Amino acid sequence: MTNSLSIQPGGHTNPMPDPGILLAAVPGLLGFVPEQSVVLVAFRDRRTVSATMRHDLFLTKSGFPSAGMRELFGTLGTLAESYDAAGTVAVIIDDRYPPTDKRYRKVAEVAEKSFRKAGGMSAVFAMNKAALGAEWHTIWRPPTEAACVLPFEGELPDTGTLSDPNASPTALERAVNTGRRILSSRSEIAALLEPEPHCADEECRAQSPQPTRHVPGRSDARGLAFTLATISRFDGGDTHLSCEDLNGLAEALVSIHVRDALLGLSLTGLRGTCEDFWRTLTKRLPAPARAAAATLLGYLHYMAGEGAYAGIAFQTAHDADPEYNLANLLDTALFNGMRPKELSGLAELAYDIAERLGAELPPPVFAAAG
């Protein structure tokens, strides 16, 4: 999964004469420092970012955009149109050639054609890395008669020096709202889900229960009740999970009925606790329960508009169990740019499932992004 869609509800910027302000904000918008990537920031108006899209920059052996890359720009242009974009800024971050190389200018030309239906391309910038002191260049700007210059004011400079992305207002806002720093690369997100030992018990007896097709029953009710009680304990600061706890959670999560009920927690006040909880289980449970935990984590990130984190979680679920349908379906939806709010019905349905299993979920306090 190489595409990520991050929507920042209410993500505002001030009209800017200096594009360096926006360029320094890119890692904060994504949550990580992109490499060999093209990032597209779509604006609804001069002050509002409606979507941020990133994709690996695929070039041919001669360095020009591949056929797949050209097709992708068409898809992303349609996506930006669906988000009511009034203008889009493209940022190429790649160290294979100098920023002003003709190959990047060709990428800019291809992207510009694809985004004409979505309000037009406002500008295309290129730099070798998104780091303090990096030199950026304006490699495409609209004709002087073009009206689309969002979010900029005045004439765009040819070049500039990047300020510290970690000190950008966007990065600081992310730290305050999510408690997360900007990660140094996308691979660092994946490292957060690397497997760990099952438990600290001297005689670990990790179990790997297998899912079965069944109608909801008493075992599901017990599994959901146990999982919710463990989350409540986790929320209270008791984060120790014994071997027995983990085996019980694995047994619960392989039930699609329990898993589907737990999707409802993604928009509740327990969202932050559940993020830590699902991440812990993803790292410590064996497959196929690992796939279930990673899917719950991915859906939580998806609802929050954190596409990069969601994509990594779904990939982790797929690696644990290639046939895990819900993860694969959500990953496809993410790749195709389906808005989080279009999938929030899963969280709403979870309340009905939980009620049938005799459990009561806390009320939702967040809205799905986008």
Protein backbone atom coordinates (compact mmCIF):
# COMPACT_ATOMS: atom_id res chain seq x y z
CA MET A 1 0.00 0.00 0.00
CA THR A 2 1.75 3.15 -1.18
CA ASN A 3 -1.04 5.65 -1.36
CA SER A 4 -2.20 7.59 1.67
CA LEU A 5 -5.02 10.03 2.02
CA SER A 6 -4.94 12.30 5.06
CA ILE A 7 -7.85 14.65 5.64
CA GLN A 8 -7.41 17.41 8.17
CA PRO A 9 -10.85 18.59 9.31
CA GLY A 10 -10.68 22.34 9.72
CA GLY A 11 -7.07 22.31 8.57
CA HIS A 12 -6.56 25.98 7.84
CA THR A 13 -3.63 27.90 6.49
CA ASN A 14 -3.20 31.62 6.11
CA PRO A 15 -2.90 32.98 2.57
CA MET A 16 0.84 32.85 2.01
CA PRO A 17 3.25 34.83 -0.10
CA ASP A 18 6.00 32.34 0.81
CA PRO A 19 5.39 28.76 -0.43
CA GLY A 20 8.06 27.60 2.02
CA ILE A 21 5.41 27.75 4.75
CA LEU A 22 3.33 25.14 2.97
CA LEU A 23 6.33 23.02 1.96
CA ALA A 24 7.53 22.84 5.57
CA ALA A 25 4.03 21.72 6.60
CA VAL A 26 4.00 18.65 4.31
CA PRO A 27 5.58 16.19 6.79
CA GLY A 28 3.15 17.41 9.47
CA LEU A 29 0.19 16.87 7.16
CA LEU A 30 1.31 13.30 6.47
CA GLY A 31 2.72 12.42 9.88
CA PHE A 32 6.06 11.33 8.44
CA VAL A 33 8.85 12.63 6.21
CA PRO A 34 8.18 11.48 2.63
CA GLU A 35 10.96 10.20 0.38
CA GLN A 36 10.87 9.54 -3.39
CA SER A 37 7.28 10.74 -3.30
CA VAL A 38 4.86 13.13 -4.88
CA VAL A 39 2.54 14.89 -2.44
CA LEU A 40 -0.60 16.71 -3.57
CA VAL A 41 -2.27 19.19 -1.24
CA ALA A 42 -5.80 20.10 -2.35
CA PHE A 43 -7.36 23.35 -1.18
CA ARG A 44 -11.08 23.95 -0.85
CA ASP A 45 -10.49 27.68 -0.61
CA ARG A 46 -7.57 29.96 0.12
CA ARG A 47 -7.40 28.91 3.76
CA THR A 48 -8.67 25.32 3.95
CA VAL A 49 -6.81 22.11 3.11
CA SER A 50 -9.40 19.54 2.04
CA ALA A 51 -7.06 16.59 1.42
CA THR A 52 -3.40 15.60 1.32
CA MET A 53 -2.44 12.74 -1.00
CA ARG A 54 0.93 11.04 -1.19
CA HIS A 55 2.22 8.40 -3.54
CA ASP A 56 5.55 6.82 -4.31
CA LEU A 57 7.07 8.51 -7.34
CA PHE A 58 7.47 5.79 -9.97
CA LEU A 59 9.85 6.70 -12.78
CA THR A 60 11.00 4.75 -15.82
CA LYS A 61 14.64 3.70 -16.20
CA SER A 62 15.22 6.94 -18.08
CA GLY A 63 13.69 8.87 -15.18
CA PHE A 64 10.35 9.93 -16.65
CA PRO A 65 6.91 9.23 -15.13
CA SER A 66 5.84 5.63 -15.76
CA ALA A 67 2.57 4.68 -17.48
CA GLY A 68 1.21 3.65 -14.09
CA MET A 69 2.17 7.03 -12.68
CA ARG A 70 0.31 8.80 -15.47
CA GLU A 71 -2.78 6.70 -14.80
CA LEU A 72 -2.46 7.38 -11.08
CA PHE A 73 -2.45 11.15 -11.61
CA GLY A 74 -5.75 10.77 -13.46
CA THR A 75 -7.20 8.89 -10.48
CA LEU A 76 -5.90 11.44 -7.99
CA GLY A 77 -7.26 14.28 -10.09
CA THR A 78 -10.71 12.69 -9.96
CA LEU A 79 -10.26 12.28 -6.21
CA ALA A 80 -9.40 15.94 -5.76
CA GLU A 81 -12.47 16.85 -7.79
CA SER A 82 -14.63 14.76 -5.44
CA TYR A 83 -13.23 16.78 -2.54
CA ASP A 84 -14.35 20.01 -4.20
CA ALA A 85 -10.78 21.17 -4.67
CA ALA A 86 -10.44 24.71 -5.95
CA GLY A 87 -6.71 24.31 -6.47
CA THR A 88 -3.94 21.79 -5.80
CA VAL A 89 -0.26 22.15 -5.00
CA ALA A 90 2.10 19.31 -5.97
CA VAL A 91 5.38 18.72 -4.15
CA ILE A 92 7.99 16.33 -5.53
CA ILE A 93 10.40 15.07 -2.87
CA ASP A 94 13.03 12.91 -4.51
CA ASP A 95 16.82 12.65 -4.37
CA ARG A 96 17.48 10.84 -7.64
CA TYR A 97 18.02 14.01 -9.69
CA PRO A 98 18.54 17.72 -9.07
CA PRO A 99 15.23 19.46 -8.24
CA THR A 100 15.25 21.42 -11.51
CA ASP A 101 15.86 18.33 -13.65
CA LYS A 102 13.70 18.08 -16.80
CA ARG A 103 12.35 14.73 -15.61
CA TYR A 104 10.60 16.37 -12.68
CA ARG A 105 9.27 19.06 -14.99
CA LYS A 106 7.73 16.28 -17.06
CA VAL A 107 6.09 14.86 -13.93
CA ALA A 108 4.72 18.33 -13.25
CA GLU A 109 3.28 18.59 -16.77
CA VAL A 110 1.54 15.22 -16.48
CA ALA A 111 0.12 16.08 -13.06
CA GLU A 112 -1.10 19.49 -14.23
CA LYS A 113 -3.14 17.98 -17.06
CA SER A 114 -4.82 15.52 -14.70
CA PHE A 115 -5.85 18.20 -12.21
CA ARG A 116 -7.45 20.64 -14.65
CA LYS A 117 -10.84 19.11 -13.81
CA ALA A 118 -10.24 19.69 -10.09
CA GLY A 119 -9.79 23.44 -10.03
CA GLY A 120 -6.40 23.32 -11.71
CA MET A 121 -2.84 23.04 -10.47
CA SER A 122 -1.68 26.04 -8.45
CA ALA A 123 2.05 25.22 -8.54
CA VAL A 124 4.52 22.35 -8.55
CA PHE A 125 7.61 22.38 -6.36
CA ALA A 126 10.57 20.01 -6.16
CA MET A 127 13.20 19.36 -3.53
CA ASN A 128 15.59 16.52 -2.79
CA LYS A 129 14.48 16.09 0.81
CA ALA A 130 11.95 17.52 3.25
CA ALA A 131 14.43 18.65 5.87
CA LEU A 132 15.72 21.86 7.41
CA GLY A 133 17.90 23.74 4.95
CA ALA A 134 16.80 21.83 1.85
CA GLU A 135 16.60 23.94 -1.29
CA TRP A 136 13.23 23.90 -3.01
CA HIS A 137 12.41 25.08 -6.52
CA THR A 138 9.24 26.15 -8.30
CA ILE A 139 9.26 23.94 -11.40
CA TRP A 140 5.78 24.72 -12.71
CA ARG A 141 3.48 27.71 -12.27
CA PRO A 142 0.21 28.53 -14.02
CA PRO A 143 0.16 30.92 -16.97
CA THR A 144 -0.11 34.54 -15.93
CA GLU A 145 -3.73 34.68 -17.09
CA ALA A 146 -4.74 31.62 -15.04
CA ALA A 147 -6.96 32.35 -12.06
CA CYS A 148 -5.94 29.34 -9.94
CA VAL A 149 -3.21 30.36 -7.52
CA LEU A 150 -4.66 29.03 -4.24
CA PRO A 151 -3.37 29.36 -1.56
CA PHE A 152 -0.68 31.81 -2.61
CA GLU A 153 -0.67 35.57 -2.86
CA GLY A 154 1.61 37.36 -5.23
CA GLU A 155 4.28 36.05 -7.56
CA LEU A 156 5.90 32.72 -6.65
CA PRO A 157 9.66 32.82 -6.07
CA ASP A 158 11.86 30.54 -8.15
CA THR A 159 13.60 28.96 -5.17
CA GLY A 160 13.96 29.06 -1.42
CA THR A 161 15.30 27.24 1.63
CA LEU A 162 13.08 24.98 3.73
CA SER A 163 12.49 25.86 7.37
CA ASP A 164 12.38 23.11 10.00
CA PRO A 165 9.32 20.87 9.33
CA ASN A 166 9.37 19.74 12.96
CA ALA A 167 8.82 23.34 14.09
CA SER A 168 6.03 24.11 11.63
CA PRO A 169 2.62 25.10 13.02
CA THR A 170 1.17 21.95 11.43
CA ALA A 171 3.67 19.73 13.26
CA LEU A 172 3.02 21.50 16.54
CA GLU A 173 -0.74 21.16 16.06
CA ARG A 174 -0.31 17.43 15.37
CA ALA A 175 1.75 17.04 18.55
CA VAL A 176 -0.88 18.81 20.63
CA ASN A 177 -3.90 17.02 19.12
CA THR A 178 -2.49 13.50 18.76
CA GLY A 179 0.60 13.42 20.95
CA ARG A 180 2.61 12.25 17.95
CA ARG A 181 5.84 13.60 16.57
CA ILE A 182 6.63 13.56 12.86
CA LEU A 183 8.22 10.21 12.05
CA SER A 184 11.41 10.17 10.02
CA SER A 185 9.98 7.90 7.32
CA ARG A 186 6.96 5.82 6.40
CA SER A 187 8.88 2.69 7.40
CA GLU A 188 9.01 4.03 10.95
CA ILE A 189 5.21 3.73 11.08
CA ALA A 190 5.52 0.06 10.11
CA ALA A 191 8.15 -0.43 12.82
CA LEU A 192 5.54 0.56 15.41
CA LEU A 193 3.71 -2.68 14.58
CA GLU A 194 6.66 -5.08 14.53
CA PRO A 195 5.88 -8.30 16.47
CA GLU A 196 6.95 -8.50 20.11
CA PRO A 197 7.04 -11.44 22.56
CA HIS A 198 3.58 -12.66 23.41
CA CYS A 199 3.90 -12.02 27.15
CA ALA A 200 6.33 -11.75 30.04
CA ASP A 201 5.13 -14.93 31.77
CA GLU A 202 7.91 -17.40 32.52
CA GLU A 203 5.90 -20.21 30.96
CA CYS A 204 4.20 -18.56 28.01
CA ARG A 205 1.50 -20.67 26.39
CA ALA A 206 0.45 -18.49 23.50
CA GLN A 207 -2.62 -19.77 21.71
CA SER A 208 -3.59 -19.14 18.12
CA PRO A 209 -7.36 -19.74 17.87
CA GLN A 210 -8.83 -20.07 14.39
CA PRO A 211 -12.01 -18.33 13.24
CA THR A 212 -15.13 -20.34 12.50
CA ARG A 213 -18.36 -19.41 10.79
CA HIS A 214 -21.10 -19.24 13.37
CA VAL A 215 -24.15 -17.28 14.41
CA PRO A 216 -23.63 -14.87 17.31
CA GLY A 217 -23.84 -16.71 20.61
CA ARG A 218 -22.87 -16.80 24.27
CA SER A 219 -19.17 -17.22 23.55
CA ASP A 220 -19.24 -13.98 21.53
CA ALA A 221 -21.06 -12.19 24.35
CA ARG A 222 -18.44 -13.37 26.83
CA GLY A 223 -15.61 -12.42 24.46
CA LEU A 224 -16.98 -8.92 23.90
CA ALA A 225 -17.59 -8.37 27.60
CA PHE A 226 -14.05 -9.52 28.43
CA THR A 227 -12.50 -7.30 25.76
CA LEU A 228 -14.46 -4.23 26.87
CA ALA A 229 -13.52 -4.88 30.51
CA THR A 230 -9.85 -5.19 29.55
CA ILE A 231 -10.00 -1.94 27.57
CA SER A 232 -11.59 -0.23 30.57
CA ARG A 233 -8.75 -1.50 32.75
CA PHE A 234 -6.24 -0.34 30.11
CA ASP A 235 -7.90 3.08 30.07
CA GLY A 236 -7.47 3.29 33.85
CA GLY A 237 -3.70 2.82 33.57
CA ASP A 238 -3.41 -0.94 34.18
CA THR A 239 -1.75 -1.95 30.93
CA HIS A 240 -0.37 -5.32 32.06
CA LEU A 241 -1.64 -8.19 29.93
CA SER A 242 -0.93 -11.70 31.15
CA CYS A 243 -0.61 -14.74 28.95
CA GLU A 244 -4.14 -15.72 29.96
CA ASP A 245 -5.44 -12.24 29.12
CA LEU A 246 -3.88 -12.32 25.68
CA ASN A 247 -5.18 -15.78 24.92
CA GLY A 248 -8.66 -14.68 25.94
CA LEU A 249 -8.42 -11.59 23.75
CA ALA A 250 -7.19 -13.65 20.81
CA GLU A 251 -10.17 -15.99 21.22
CA ALA A 252 -12.51 -13.00 21.26
CA LEU A 253 -11.03 -11.15 18.27
CA VAL A 254 -11.13 -14.08 15.86
CA SER A 255 -14.93 -13.84 16.07
CA ILE A 256 -16.13 -11.46 13.37
CA HIS A 257 -19.12 -10.63 15.57
CA VAL A 258 -16.91 -9.40 18.40
CA ARG A 259 -14.58 -7.60 16.00
CA ASP A 260 -17.45 -5.85 14.24
CA ALA A 261 -18.89 -4.68 17.56
CA LEU A 262 -15.51 -3.27 18.57
CA LEU A 263 -15.32 -1.10 15.43
CA GLY A 264 -17.77 1.20 17.20
CA LEU A 265 -15.11 2.32 19.69
CA SER A 266 -13.28 4.22 16.93
CA LEU A 267 -15.42 7.34 17.35
CA THR A 268 -15.81 7.28 21.15
CA GLY A 269 -13.91 8.91 23.98
CA LEU A 270 -11.92 5.65 24.24
CA ARG A 271 -10.36 6.22 20.82
CA GLY A 272 -6.92 7.11 22.20
CA THR A 273 -6.91 4.17 24.60
CA CYS A 274 -8.09 1.82 21.86
CA GLU A 275 -5.31 2.99 19.55
CA ASP A 276 -2.73 1.95 22.14
CA PHE A 277 -4.65 -1.24 22.93
CA TRP A 278 -5.04 -2.40 19.31
CA ARG A 279 -1.41 -1.57 18.61
CA THR A 280 -0.31 -3.61 21.62
CA LEU A 281 -2.41 -6.59 20.51
CA THR A 282 -1.18 -6.28 16.93
CA LYS A 283 2.39 -6.59 18.18
CA ARG A 284 1.77 -9.42 20.63
CA LEU A 285 -0.97 -11.67 19.26
CA PRO A 286 -0.24 -14.42 16.73
CA ALA A 287 -2.17 -14.65 13.47
CA PRO A 288 -5.07 -14.65 12.74
CA ALA A 289 -5.90 -12.58 15.86
CA ARG A 290 -3.05 -10.25 14.87
CA ALA A 291 -4.91 -9.52 11.63
CA ALA A 292 -8.09 -8.68 13.55
CA ALA A 293 -6.27 -6.31 15.92
CA ALA A 294 -4.45 -4.60 13.04
CA THR A 295 -7.75 -4.16 11.17
CA LEU A 296 -9.37 -2.54 14.21
CA LEU A 297 -6.36 -0.23 14.48
CA GLY A 298 -6.49 0.59 10.78
CA TYR A 299 -10.19 1.41 10.87
CA LEU A 300 -9.64 3.69 13.87
CA HIS A 301 -6.93 5.58 11.95
CA TYR A 302 -9.11 5.66 8.83
CA MET A 303 -11.96 7.29 10.73
CA ALA A 304 -9.52 9.90 12.08
CA GLY A 305 -8.31 10.71 8.55
CA GLU A 306 -4.84 9.29 9.21
CA GLY A 307 -4.39 7.51 5.91
CA ALA A 308 -0.71 6.66 6.23
CA TYR A 309 -1.20 4.94 9.59
CA ALA A 310 -4.34 3.17 8.34
CA GLY A 311 -2.60 1.85 5.25
CA ILE A 312 0.28 0.40 7.25
CA ALA A 313 -2.15 -1.27 9.67
CA PHE A 314 -4.14 -2.84 6.83
CA GLN A 315 -0.91 -4.07 5.23
CA THR A 316 0.07 -5.61 8.57
CA ALA A 317 -3.28 -7.39 8.72
CA HIS A 318 -2.82 -8.64 5.16
CA ASP A 319 0.67 -9.93 5.97
CA ALA A 320 -0.69 -11.79 8.99
CA ASP A 321 -3.60 -13.26 7.02
CA PRO A 322 -3.73 -12.57 3.25
CA GLU A 323 -7.37 -13.69 3.17
CA TYR A 324 -8.54 -11.33 5.91
CA ASN A 325 -11.43 -9.81 4.00
CA LEU A 326 -12.29 -6.74 6.07
CA ALA A 327 -8.70 -5.47 6.03
CA ASN A 328 -8.44 -6.02 2.29
CA LEU A 329 -11.75 -4.26 1.62
CA LEU A 330 -10.83 -1.27 3.79
CA ASP A 331 -7.39 -1.08 2.20
CA THR A 332 -8.99 -0.98 -1.25
CA ALA A 333 -11.38 1.74 -0.10
CA LEU A 334 -8.46 3.76 1.25
CA PHE A 335 -6.47 3.33 -1.94
CA ASN A 336 -9.43 4.49 -4.03
CA GLY A 337 -9.92 7.55 -1.84
CA MET A 338 -13.22 6.68 -0.20
CA ARG A 339 -13.93 9.29 2.45
CA PRO A 340 -13.90 8.14 6.07
CA LYS A 341 -17.42 9.43 6.64
CA GLU A 342 -18.61 7.10 3.87
CA LEU A 343 -17.45 4.15 5.96
CA SER A 344 -18.59 5.45 9.34
CA GLY A 345 -21.70 3.29 8.98
CA LEU A 346 -19.59 0.34 10.14
CA ALA A 347 -19.10 2.10 13.47
CA GLU A 348 -22.81 2.86 13.68
CA LEU A 349 -23.73 -0.76 12.91
CA ALA A 350 -21.36 -1.85 15.69
CA TYR A 351 -23.79 -0.49 18.30
CA ASP A 352 -26.53 -2.81 17.08
CA ILE A 353 -24.17 -5.79 17.11
CA ALA A 354 -22.94 -4.96 20.62
CA GLU A 355 -26.52 -4.60 21.87
CA ARG A 356 -27.42 -8.02 20.50
CA LEU A 357 -24.44 -9.41 22.38
CA GLY A 358 -25.63 -7.79 25.61
CA ALA A 359 -23.03 -5.01 25.74
CA GLU A 360 -23.31 -1.24 25.74
CA LEU A 361 -20.67 0.82 23.96
CA PRO A 362 -19.88 4.37 25.09
CA PRO A 363 -21.54 7.05 22.94
CA PRO A 364 -19.66 8.49 19.96
CA VAL A 365 -18.01 11.85 20.58
CA PHE A 366 -16.06 12.21 17.32
CA ALA A 367 -17.23 12.48 13.74
CA ALA A 368 -15.49 10.61 10.95
CA ALA A 369 -13.05 12.80 9.04
CA GLY A 370 -13.89 14.17 5.64
